[in-house]
Protein backbone atom coordinates (compact mmCIF):
# COMPACT_ATOMS: atom_id res chain seq x y z
CA MET A 1 15.31 -56.78 29.79
CA ARG A 2 15.99 -59.61 32.26
CA THR A 3 14.80 -63.30 32.06
CA GLU A 4 13.24 -64.65 35.84
CA LYS A 5 13.82 -68.00 36.10
CA TYR A 6 10.50 -69.74 38.61
CA MET A 7 12.17 -72.09 41.17
CA ASP A 8 11.67 -75.48 41.91
CA GLU A 9 7.96 -75.85 43.76
CA GLU A 10 9.54 -78.25 46.27
CA ILE A 11 12.26 -75.86 47.09
CA MET A 12 10.17 -72.84 47.04
CA VAL A 13 8.09 -74.73 49.55
CA LYS A 14 10.71 -76.07 51.69
CA LYS A 15 12.10 -72.49 52.12
CA GLY A 16 8.58 -71.02 53.01
CA ILE A 17 8.66 -73.59 55.56
CA LYS A 18 11.97 -72.81 57.00
CA ALA A 19 11.41 -68.40 57.05
CA LEU A 20 7.75 -69.08 58.84
CA ILE A 21 9.54 -71.45 61.30
CA LYS A 22 12.29 -68.94 61.98
CA GLU A 23 9.73 -66.16 62.25
CA LEU A 24 7.09 -67.67 64.09
CA GLY A 25 8.31 -70.80 65.56
CA PRO A 26 7.37 -73.94 65.22
CA MET A 27 3.87 -74.04 66.79
CA GLU A 28 2.88 -71.04 65.36
CA ALA A 29 4.31 -71.72 61.81
CA ILE A 30 2.18 -74.92 61.45
CA ARG A 31 -0.80 -73.38 63.34
CA PHE A 32 -0.59 -70.43 60.37
CA ILE A 33 -0.38 -73.25 57.58
CA ASN A 34 -3.60 -75.02 59.19
CA MET A 35 -5.45 -71.71 58.99
CA PRO A 36 -9.10 -72.44 57.51
CA ARG A 37 -9.20 -70.35 53.93
CA ARG A 38 -12.17 -67.84 53.96
CA LYS A 39 -14.83 -68.47 51.35
CA ARG A 40 -15.53 -66.30 48.73
CA LEU A 41 -19.52 -66.20 49.16
CA GLU A 42 -19.63 -62.34 49.78
CA SER A 43 -18.21 -61.41 46.34
CA VAL A 44 -20.30 -64.22 44.77
CA ARG A 45 -23.26 -62.19 46.35
CA ARG A 46 -22.02 -58.57 45.60
CA HIS A 47 -21.87 -59.43 41.78
CA ARG A 48 -25.19 -60.94 41.96
CA GLU A 49 -26.43 -57.63 43.50
CA TRP A 50 -24.72 -55.95 40.82
CA GLN A 51 -26.34 -58.10 38.25
CA LYS A 52 -30.07 -57.58 39.51
CA HIS A 53 -29.81 -53.82 38.90
CA LEU A 54 -27.63 -54.00 35.17
CA ASP A 55 -29.21 -52.14 32.72
CA LYS A 56 -28.08 -54.81 29.81
CA GLU A 57 -28.34 -52.61 27.08
CA ARG A 58 -26.76 -49.59 28.40
CA PHE A 59 -23.65 -51.68 29.93
CA LEU A 60 -23.29 -54.03 26.49
CA ASP A 61 -23.47 -50.67 24.97
CA GLN A 62 -20.51 -49.01 26.86
CA VAL A 63 -18.84 -51.87 26.35
CA PHE A 64 -19.03 -52.48 22.36
CA GLY A 65 -20.42 -49.33 21.61
């Protein structure tokens, strides 16, 4: 089995930006980097809905039973 080494973060960022600029061009690469991140509210809402309908005793029996 082969061990993998992670490259230094600074080198990784430089290579990533260089690849983006090469493929997208400088303007689109900057636009891509500055894209806003989506908030994960939908997953929180979905989880709360799941909890609301959860039969806790049955669930715990399934997990630990």
